[in-house]
Amino acid sequence: EGGNIVPMTLRATVSLVSFSGREASPACYQIDCPPLLLDGTLTSTSTSGVVSFSDLAFTSYTSTTAQNLRLKFVASPFATIFSRSFDVGGIAARVVLSSLASHGVAGEPLNPQPQVTLLDQSGLKVEWWEGVSGQPSMASMSAILGGKNAVVLGRTSVEYQQGVAVWTDLALEVADPVGYTLSFNVQNLVLNQDKFVVLPASPSALFIVRQSLTETAGDAFTTPPVISVKDQFGNTVFNLNNGSISVEIESAALSPASLFPGPKTLLGNTSSPIRSGIADFANSSLGCMIAASVTLKFSGPHYEVASRPSAPSAFSGFVLSGPIEIAFGQTVKLLVKQSPTIFVAASNFIPQPVVHLLDRGGNTILGAEFAVEAFIVVGSNRFLLATQSAVDGVVT
């Protein structure tokens, strides 16, 4: 009566009953019968006043799950007692996601990490599962992108314990807006999660996606440059839609004979907005005035990235193009570079006139062959003075 254990001989028999008290037996097919049988050594004797059972197990005969069951103990010579009610899960039938991040960020551990649960066909958690040859049961995760297995960072296989499998350090490097399928496998039961978005990490560098090799001075580029903003893993920062990329001439290497180049400037719009991490100069009419071997410099301003609003990242950088050979354009005009200032009858002009043949970019066209006629105009009369052939686009 005081609650002390009395060292005496005690014999106890255990049986499985439904919540209403009906015992399980092969002949029991009523609605409230337990759908399981209790197997093992059902009777145990002890002289210490404590009876223990060591090999009890459930055997299914009408179903694979059971709810609101109790164990009934008949302790001789004392009364009958019952355990708390409990549920018994059946054979694992499906895998469900208990937790998963809404999206990922390239190179960063998923937050929260994936967690899956094994359920039987009745929706009860299967807390037990025997491994192979005494080894613990394992759950694995893989990622598919574009029909191929993607690189997954972290430990992809974890031990399945007490009905759940929890990963701790999974991450994905390749950013993709819609394409990932995450596949979770527990004891050959597979769950696929489609359209898992992985956002790029913070901007790290500018890359030239496309540039021309040869262009014509004074004309819009036939191959407009395309610049992408990438993170440290090489992903285009496709969620970046603010800021712009500007371009300028970094250097212009002239030919030794090119003594009269055009201006070292660009024409058209020298800035392009960033859309989905890309700056495309296709609609900017970008071109180059000077005829030379030109290197362009593309620069990006500071901007914030939407992938991590709590920790926005600023980036400012530049990238240099490869050499672009800017050729002479078509002839557009003559330019008098030097005019006489002293005129004396029957004497040579001082200085003698010098005329250049220019292309659209303002470059004197080297190698151009043409002749220039010099006239004196008096009223409506024109008097031919001389005709002179050009040498490398210059007539003296």
Protein backbone atom coordinates (compact mmCIF):
# COMPACT_ATOMS: atom_id res chain seq x y z
CA GLU A 1 0.00 0.00 0.00
CA GLY A 2 2.97 2.31 0.48
CA GLY A 3 4.09 1.86 -3.15
CA ASN A 4 7.17 -0.20 -2.31
CA ILE A 5 8.22 -3.18 -4.44
CA VAL A 6 7.65 -6.38 -2.45
CA PRO A 7 10.24 -9.12 -3.18
CA MET A 8 7.97 -12.07 -3.81
CA THR A 9 7.14 -14.60 -6.47
CA LEU A 10 5.04 -12.94 -9.17
CA ARG A 11 3.64 -14.48 -12.33
CA ALA A 12 2.28 -12.20 -15.08
CA THR A 13 0.62 -12.90 -18.41
CA VAL A 14 0.30 -10.23 -21.12
CA SER A 15 -2.20 -9.99 -23.95
CA LEU A 16 -3.14 -7.41 -26.59
CA VAL A 17 -6.56 -5.83 -26.36
CA SER A 18 -8.51 -3.17 -28.18
CA PHE A 19 -9.40 0.02 -26.38
CA SER A 20 -12.76 -1.52 -25.49
CA GLY A 21 -10.99 -4.45 -23.81
CA ARG A 22 -11.59 -7.17 -26.44
CA GLU A 23 -8.60 -9.50 -26.68
CA ALA A 24 -6.89 -10.31 -29.97
CA SER A 25 -7.19 -13.85 -31.30
CA PRO A 26 -7.21 -15.48 -34.75
CA ALA A 27 -10.94 -16.02 -34.35
CA CYS A 28 -11.64 -12.37 -33.57
CA TYR A 29 -13.08 -10.60 -36.61
CA GLN A 30 -15.38 -8.10 -34.96
CA ILE A 31 -15.05 -4.40 -35.66
CA ASP A 32 -13.41 -3.55 -32.34
CA CYS A 33 -11.02 -6.49 -32.34
CA PRO A 34 -7.29 -5.67 -32.43
CA PRO A 35 -6.05 -6.34 -35.97
CA LEU A 36 -2.73 -7.65 -34.61
CA LEU A 37 -1.60 -10.64 -32.59
CA LEU A 38 0.93 -10.45 -29.80
CA ASP A 39 3.76 -12.95 -30.20
CA GLY A 40 6.68 -14.01 -28.02
CA THR A 41 6.90 -15.22 -24.41
CA LEU A 42 3.59 -14.00 -23.02
CA THR A 43 4.04 -15.29 -19.45
CA SER A 44 6.93 -14.44 -17.17
CA THR A 45 7.72 -15.26 -13.53
CA SER A 46 9.97 -13.42 -11.08
CA THR A 47 10.82 -13.67 -7.37
CA SER A 48 11.88 -10.04 -7.07
CA GLY A 49 8.44 -8.59 -7.35
CA VAL A 50 9.24 -7.20 -10.87
CA VAL A 51 8.27 -9.12 -14.01
CA SER A 52 9.98 -8.21 -17.31
CA PHE A 53 9.17 -9.27 -20.86
CA SER A 54 11.94 -9.47 -23.45
CA ASP A 55 10.72 -10.78 -26.81
CA LEU A 56 7.23 -9.43 -27.39
CA ALA A 57 6.37 -8.69 -31.01
CA PHE A 58 3.30 -7.94 -33.12
CA THR A 59 2.04 -10.28 -35.82
CA SER A 60 -0.48 -8.95 -38.30
CA TYR A 61 -3.38 -11.08 -39.43
CA THR A 62 -6.19 -8.73 -40.46
CA SER A 63 -4.39 -5.46 -41.15
CA THR A 64 -1.00 -3.79 -41.03
CA THR A 65 -1.88 -0.97 -38.66
CA ALA A 66 -3.69 -0.60 -35.37
CA GLN A 67 -4.88 2.32 -33.30
CA ASN A 68 -5.96 2.67 -29.67
CA LEU A 69 -4.42 -0.61 -28.52
CA ARG A 70 -3.46 -1.53 -24.96
CA LEU A 71 -1.49 -4.27 -23.27
CA LYS A 72 -3.40 -6.26 -20.63
CA PHE A 73 -1.38 -7.71 -17.76
CA VAL A 74 -2.82 -10.36 -15.46
CA ALA A 75 -0.53 -10.50 -12.43
CA SER A 76 -1.25 -13.52 -10.24
CA PRO A 77 -2.31 -13.42 -7.46
CA PHE A 78 -3.26 -9.74 -7.98
CA ALA A 79 -5.69 -7.89 -10.22
CA THR A 80 -5.52 -7.07 -13.92
CA ILE A 81 -3.92 -3.80 -15.11
CA PHE A 82 -3.73 -2.10 -18.54
CA SER A 83 -1.05 -0.09 -20.27
CA ARG A 84 -1.59 3.30 -21.86
CA SER A 85 -3.22 3.18 -25.30
CA PHE A 86 -0.91 3.28 -28.32
CA ASP A 87 -0.89 3.02 -32.11
CA VAL A 88 1.08 0.52 -34.17
CA GLY A 89 2.24 1.55 -37.62
CA GLY A 90 2.11 -0.85 -40.50
CA ILE A 91 4.40 -1.50 -43.43
CA ALA A 92 5.89 1.66 -44.92
CA ALA A 93 3.88 2.75 -47.94
CA ARG A 94 5.01 6.27 -48.83
CA VAL A 95 7.41 9.08 -48.05
CA VAL A 96 6.23 12.60 -47.25
CA LEU A 97 8.15 15.83 -46.82
CA SER A 98 8.07 17.11 -43.27
CA SER A 99 10.14 20.19 -44.08
CA LEU A 100 11.98 21.72 -47.03
CA ALA A 101 13.22 25.20 -47.82
CA SER A 102 10.98 27.21 -50.14
CA HIS A 103 14.03 27.74 -52.35
CA GLY A 104 17.79 27.42 -52.23
CA VAL A 105 20.70 29.82 -52.69
CA ALA A 106 23.70 28.53 -54.63
CA GLY A 107 26.43 27.22 -52.35
CA GLU A 108 24.49 27.84 -49.13
CA PRO A 109 22.99 25.06 -46.96
CA LEU A 110 19.25 24.70 -47.50
CA ASN A 111 17.29 26.40 -44.74
CA PRO A 112 15.42 24.56 -43.43
CA GLN A 113 17.09 21.31 -44.39
CA PRO A 114 14.96 18.52 -45.90
CA GLN A 115 13.17 16.17 -43.54
CA VAL A 116 11.07 13.22 -44.68
CA THR A 117 8.74 10.89 -42.81
CA LEU A 118 7.74 7.30 -43.60
CA LEU A 119 4.01 6.60 -43.42
CA ASP A 120 2.00 3.43 -43.74
CA GLN A 121 -1.11 3.22 -45.94
CA SER A 122 -3.23 4.54 -43.08
CA GLY A 123 -1.10 7.64 -42.68
CA LEU A 124 0.59 6.52 -39.46
CA LYS A 125 4.28 7.21 -38.99
CA VAL A 126 6.42 4.09 -39.30
CA GLU A 127 8.84 4.52 -36.43
CA TRP A 128 10.57 1.18 -36.87
CA TRP A 129 12.46 -0.14 -39.85
CA GLU A 130 15.05 -2.87 -39.82
CA GLY A 131 18.24 -2.28 -41.72
CA VAL A 132 20.09 -4.80 -43.84
CA SER A 133 22.36 -7.22 -41.96
CA GLY A 134 22.08 -5.23 -38.78
CA GLN A 135 23.08 -1.96 -40.47
CA PRO A 136 20.98 1.16 -39.85
CA SER A 137 18.38 2.06 -42.45
CA MET A 138 19.52 4.92 -44.67
CA ALA A 139 17.67 7.65 -46.53
CA SER A 140 19.26 9.29 -49.57
CA MET A 141 18.66 12.49 -51.49
CA SER A 142 19.60 13.30 -55.08
CA ALA A 143 18.93 16.23 -57.39
CA ILE A 144 18.15 16.11 -61.10
CA LEU A 145 18.59 19.12 -63.37
CA GLY A 146 17.96 19.01 -67.09
CA GLY A 147 17.59 15.24 -67.01
CA LYS A 148 21.01 14.72 -65.42
CA ASN A 149 22.20 14.19 -61.87
CA ALA A 150 23.26 17.49 -60.36
CA VAL A 151 26.15 18.07 -57.97
CA VAL A 152 24.88 18.12 -54.38
CA LEU A 153 27.11 19.50 -51.64
CA GLY A 154 27.01 17.91 -48.20
CA ARG A 155 26.09 14.44 -46.95
CA THR A 156 23.37 13.04 -49.20
CA SER A 157 22.68 9.88 -47.15
CA VAL A 158 21.49 10.01 -43.54
CA GLU A 159 20.25 7.44 -41.06
CA TYR A 160 16.51 6.91 -40.79
CA GLN A 161 15.54 7.08 -37.11
CA GLN A 162 12.20 6.98 -35.29
CA GLY A 163 10.16 7.53 -38.39
CA VAL A 164 12.07 10.46 -39.88
CA ALA A 165 15.20 11.18 -41.87
CA VAL A 166 16.80 14.60 -41.39
CA TRP A 167 19.58 16.06 -43.52
CA THR A 168 21.89 18.69 -42.04
CA ASP A 169 24.21 20.23 -44.64
CA LEU A 170 22.75 19.86 -48.13
CA ALA A 171 23.47 22.61 -50.67
CA LEU A 172 23.33 23.06 -54.44
CA GLU A 173 25.83 25.08 -56.50
CA VAL A 174 24.05 25.44 -59.83
CA ALA A 175 21.33 28.09 -59.78
CA ASP A 176 18.16 27.39 -61.73
CA PRO A 177 14.79 29.19 -61.67
CA VAL A 178 12.52 26.16 -62.22
CA GLY A 179 14.40 23.06 -63.23
CA TYR A 180 15.42 21.02 -60.16
CA THR A 181 13.75 17.78 -59.18
CA LEU A 182 14.73 16.71 -55.66
CA SER A 183 14.42 12.96 -55.14
CA PHE A 184 14.23 11.38 -51.66
CA ASN A 185 14.65 7.62 -51.29
CA VAL A 186 13.91 5.70 -48.09
CA GLN A 187 14.07 1.90 -48.39
CA ASN A 188 13.20 2.13 -52.11
CA LEU A 189 10.21 4.36 -51.43
CA VAL A 190 10.78 7.49 -53.53
CA LEU A 191 9.40 11.01 -53.25
CA ASN A 192 10.08 13.55 -56.01
CA GLN A 193 9.77 17.28 -55.44
CA ASP A 194 9.65 19.13 -58.78
CA LYS A 195 10.33 22.76 -59.70
CA PHE A 196 12.69 23.48 -56.83
CA VAL A 197 14.22 26.92 -57.39
CA VAL A 198 17.85 27.61 -56.54
CA LEU A 199 18.73 31.30 -56.64
CA PRO A 200 22.23 32.56 -57.50
CA ALA A 201 24.62 33.62 -54.79
CA SER A 202 25.79 37.23 -54.50
CA PRO A 203 27.34 38.82 -57.62
CA SER A 204 31.02 38.11 -57.94
CA ALA A 205 32.19 39.10 -61.43
CA LEU A 206 31.25 40.34 -64.88
CA PHE A 207 31.65 38.02 -67.85
CA ILE A 208 31.57 38.76 -71.55
CA VAL A 209 29.05 36.43 -73.14
CA ARG A 210 29.49 37.81 -76.65
CA GLN A 211 31.78 40.29 -78.36
CA SER A 212 32.77 41.04 -81.93
CA LEU A 213 36.21 40.50 -83.41
CA THR A 214 36.03 42.98 -86.30
CA GLU A 215 33.87 46.05 -86.83
CA THR A 216 33.79 49.13 -89.05
CA ALA A 217 34.58 52.63 -87.84
CA GLY A 218 31.59 54.92 -87.54
CA ASP A 219 29.01 52.13 -87.86
CA ALA A 220 26.98 50.36 -85.20
CA PHE A 221 28.50 47.05 -84.18
CA THR A 222 27.20 44.12 -86.22
CA THR A 223 27.77 41.92 -83.14
CA PRO A 224 26.65 43.95 -80.12
CA PRO A 225 28.31 42.87 -76.86
CA VAL A 226 26.42 40.92 -74.20
CA ILE A 227 27.60 41.01 -70.57
CA SER A 228 26.43 38.78 -67.72
CA VAL A 229 26.69 39.22 -63.95
CA LYS A 230 27.79 35.95 -62.31
CA ASP A 231 28.20 34.66 -58.77
CA GLN A 232 31.27 32.86 -57.44
CA PHE A 233 29.97 29.54 -58.78
CA GLY A 234 29.57 30.82 -62.33
CA ASN A 235 25.79 31.22 -62.18
CA THR A 236 24.22 34.12 -64.00
CA VAL A 237 22.45 36.21 -61.36
CA PHE A 238 19.08 35.83 -63.06
CA ASN A 239 17.18 37.52 -60.22
CA LEU A 240 19.09 40.78 -60.73
CA ASN A 241 16.98 43.39 -62.53
CA ASN A 242 18.39 46.72 -61.44
CA GLY A 243 21.49 48.68 -62.34
CA SER A 244 23.25 48.90 -65.68
CA ILE A 245 26.53 48.11 -67.40
CA SER A 246 28.51 50.94 -69.00
CA VAL A 247 31.23 50.68 -71.63
CA GLU A 248 34.19 52.84 -72.57
CA ILE A 249 37.36 52.51 -74.63
CA GLU A 250 40.14 51.18 -72.44
CA SER A 251 42.83 51.33 -75.12
CA ALA A 252 43.20 51.84 -78.86
CA ALA A 253 46.35 50.55 -80.58
CA LEU A 254 46.95 52.48 -83.81
CA SER A 255 48.71 51.20 -86.88
CA PRO A 256 52.15 52.86 -87.23
CA ALA A 257 51.02 54.47 -90.49
CA SER A 258 47.73 55.68 -89.04
CA LEU A 259 48.80 59.23 -88.43
CA PHE A 260 45.36 60.77 -88.60
CA PRO A 261 42.89 58.69 -86.58
CA GLY A 262 39.34 59.63 -85.76
CA PRO A 263 38.24 60.51 -82.24
CA LYS A 264 38.82 57.91 -79.53
CA THR A 265 35.15 57.73 -78.67
CA LEU A 266 32.19 55.41 -78.90
CA LEU A 267 28.93 56.20 -80.61
CA GLY A 268 25.42 55.19 -79.62
CA ASN A 269 24.22 54.39 -76.11
CA THR A 270 27.17 53.39 -73.94
CA SER A 271 25.01 52.01 -71.11
CA SER A 272 22.70 48.99 -71.07
CA PRO A 273 20.24 48.05 -68.29
CA ILE A 274 20.63 44.73 -66.47
CA ARG A 275 17.71 42.38 -67.02
CA SER A 276 17.77 38.91 -65.46
CA GLY A 277 21.50 39.33 -64.84
CA ILE A 278 22.24 40.19 -68.50
CA ALA A 279 23.17 43.50 -70.15
CA ASP A 280 22.56 43.29 -73.91
CA PHE A 281 23.74 46.18 -76.07
CA ALA A 282 21.68 44.99 -79.05
CA ASN A 283 19.43 48.08 -79.09
CA SER A 284 22.06 50.64 -78.17
CA SER A 285 23.52 51.27 -81.68
CA LEU A 286 26.92 50.99 -80.02
CA GLY A 287 29.87 51.62 -82.32
CA CYS A 288 33.41 52.95 -82.40
CA MET A 289 34.73 56.04 -84.17
CA ILE A 290 38.46 55.39 -84.19
CA ALA A 291 39.97 52.85 -86.60
CA ALA A 292 42.34 50.85 -84.39
CA SER A 293 42.71 47.66 -82.38
CA VAL A 294 40.36 48.54 -79.54
CA THR A 295 39.89 47.07 -76.07
CA LEU A 296 36.60 47.91 -74.36
CA LYS A 297 36.04 48.18 -70.61
CA PHE A 298 32.63 47.14 -69.23
CA SER A 299 31.84 48.36 -65.71
CA GLY A 300 29.04 47.53 -63.29
CA PRO A 301 27.73 49.83 -60.56
CA HIS A 302 26.86 48.94 -57.00
CA TYR A 303 23.58 47.11 -56.66
CA GLU A 304 21.72 44.86 -54.25
CA VAL A 305 20.68 41.28 -54.90
CA ALA A 306 17.18 40.02 -54.14
CA SER A 307 18.19 36.46 -53.24
CA ARG A 308 18.95 37.34 -49.62
CA PRO A 309 16.95 40.41 -48.55
CA SER A 310 18.25 40.11 -44.99
CA ALA A 311 21.85 40.40 -46.15
CA PRO A 312 21.94 42.38 -49.42
CA SER A 313 25.19 42.27 -51.30
CA ALA A 314 26.84 45.13 -53.18
CA PHE A 315 29.14 44.56 -56.12
CA SER A 316 31.18 46.82 -58.34
CA GLY A 317 33.53 45.43 -60.94
CA PHE A 318 34.66 45.55 -64.53
CA VAL A 319 35.78 43.27 -67.32
CA LEU A 320 37.92 43.97 -70.38
CA SER A 321 37.08 42.73 -73.84
CA GLY A 322 39.46 41.01 -76.16
CA PRO A 323 40.91 43.10 -79.01
CA ILE A 324 38.37 44.31 -81.56
CA GLU A 325 39.80 45.30 -84.93
CA ILE A 326 38.04 48.46 -86.10
CA ALA A 327 38.51 48.79 -89.86
CA PHE A 328 38.20 51.94 -91.97
CA GLY A 329 34.67 52.71 -93.05
CA GLN A 330 33.31 54.01 -96.31
CA THR A 331 34.38 57.40 -97.64
CA VAL A 332 31.95 60.08 -96.55
CA LYS A 333 33.68 63.43 -97.04
CA LEU A 334 36.76 65.45 -97.85
CA LEU A 335 38.27 67.57 -95.14
CA VAL A 336 40.59 70.51 -95.77
CA LYS A 337 43.14 70.08 -93.04
CA GLN A 338 45.32 73.00 -94.19
CA SER A 339 44.33 76.11 -96.17
CA PRO A 340 46.51 78.85 -97.74
CA THR A 341 46.67 82.11 -95.82
CA ILE A 342 48.92 84.16 -98.18
CA PHE A 343 48.10 84.68 -101.84
CA VAL A 344 50.54 86.48 -104.15
CA ALA A 345 49.94 86.68 -107.87
CA ALA A 346 52.14 84.34 -109.87
CA SER A 347 53.47 82.79 -106.65
CA ASN A 348 52.78 79.54 -104.79
CA PHE A 349 50.13 79.57 -102.12
CA ILE A 350 51.49 79.73 -98.59
CA PRO A 351 50.98 77.19 -97.17
CA GLN A 352 49.91 74.71 -99.77
CA PRO A 353 46.48 73.16 -99.16
CA VAL A 354 46.19 69.67 -97.63
CA VAL A 355 43.03 67.57 -98.07
CA HIS A 356 42.09 64.32 -96.24
CA LEU A 357 39.62 61.65 -97.26
CA LEU A 358 37.59 60.68 -94.17
CA ASP A 359 35.38 57.73 -93.30
CA ARG A 360 32.25 57.86 -91.14
CA GLY A 361 34.34 57.66 -87.99
CA GLY A 362 36.48 60.65 -88.93
CA ASN A 363 39.55 58.53 -89.75
CA THR A 364 41.79 59.44 -92.66
CA ILE A 365 41.51 56.37 -94.87
CA LEU A 366 44.95 54.86 -95.30
CA GLY A 367 45.61 53.30 -98.69
CA ALA A 368 42.73 55.11 -100.40
CA GLU A 369 43.42 55.92 -104.06
CA PHE A 370 41.71 59.01 -105.41
CA ALA A 371 42.41 62.35 -107.07
CA VAL A 372 41.43 65.82 -105.90
CA GLU A 373 40.91 68.77 -108.20
CA ALA A 374 41.68 72.26 -106.89
CA PHE A 375 39.67 75.19 -108.28
CA ILE A 376 39.50 78.91 -107.83
CA VAL A 377 35.93 80.14 -107.93
CA VAL A 378 35.32 83.71 -109.10
CA GLY A 379 31.69 84.59 -109.15
CA SER A 380 30.04 81.87 -111.12
CA ASN A 381 33.26 80.84 -112.80
CA ARG A 382 35.47 77.96 -111.73
CA PHE A 383 39.11 77.85 -112.75
CA LEU A 384 40.97 74.53 -112.42
CA LEU A 385 44.33 75.01 -110.79
CA ALA A 386 45.60 71.45 -110.43
CA THR A 387 44.72 67.76 -110.03
CA GLN A 388 46.63 65.79 -107.41
CA SER A 389 46.54 62.06 -106.52
CA ALA A 390 46.13 60.94 -102.93
CA VAL A 391 48.76 59.14 -100.89
CA ASP A 392 47.27 57.16 -97.98
CA GLY A 393 44.14 59.27 -98.00
CA VAL A 394 46.00 62.60 -98.04
CA VAL A 395 46.38 65.03 -100.93
CA THR A 396 49.02 67.72 -100.60
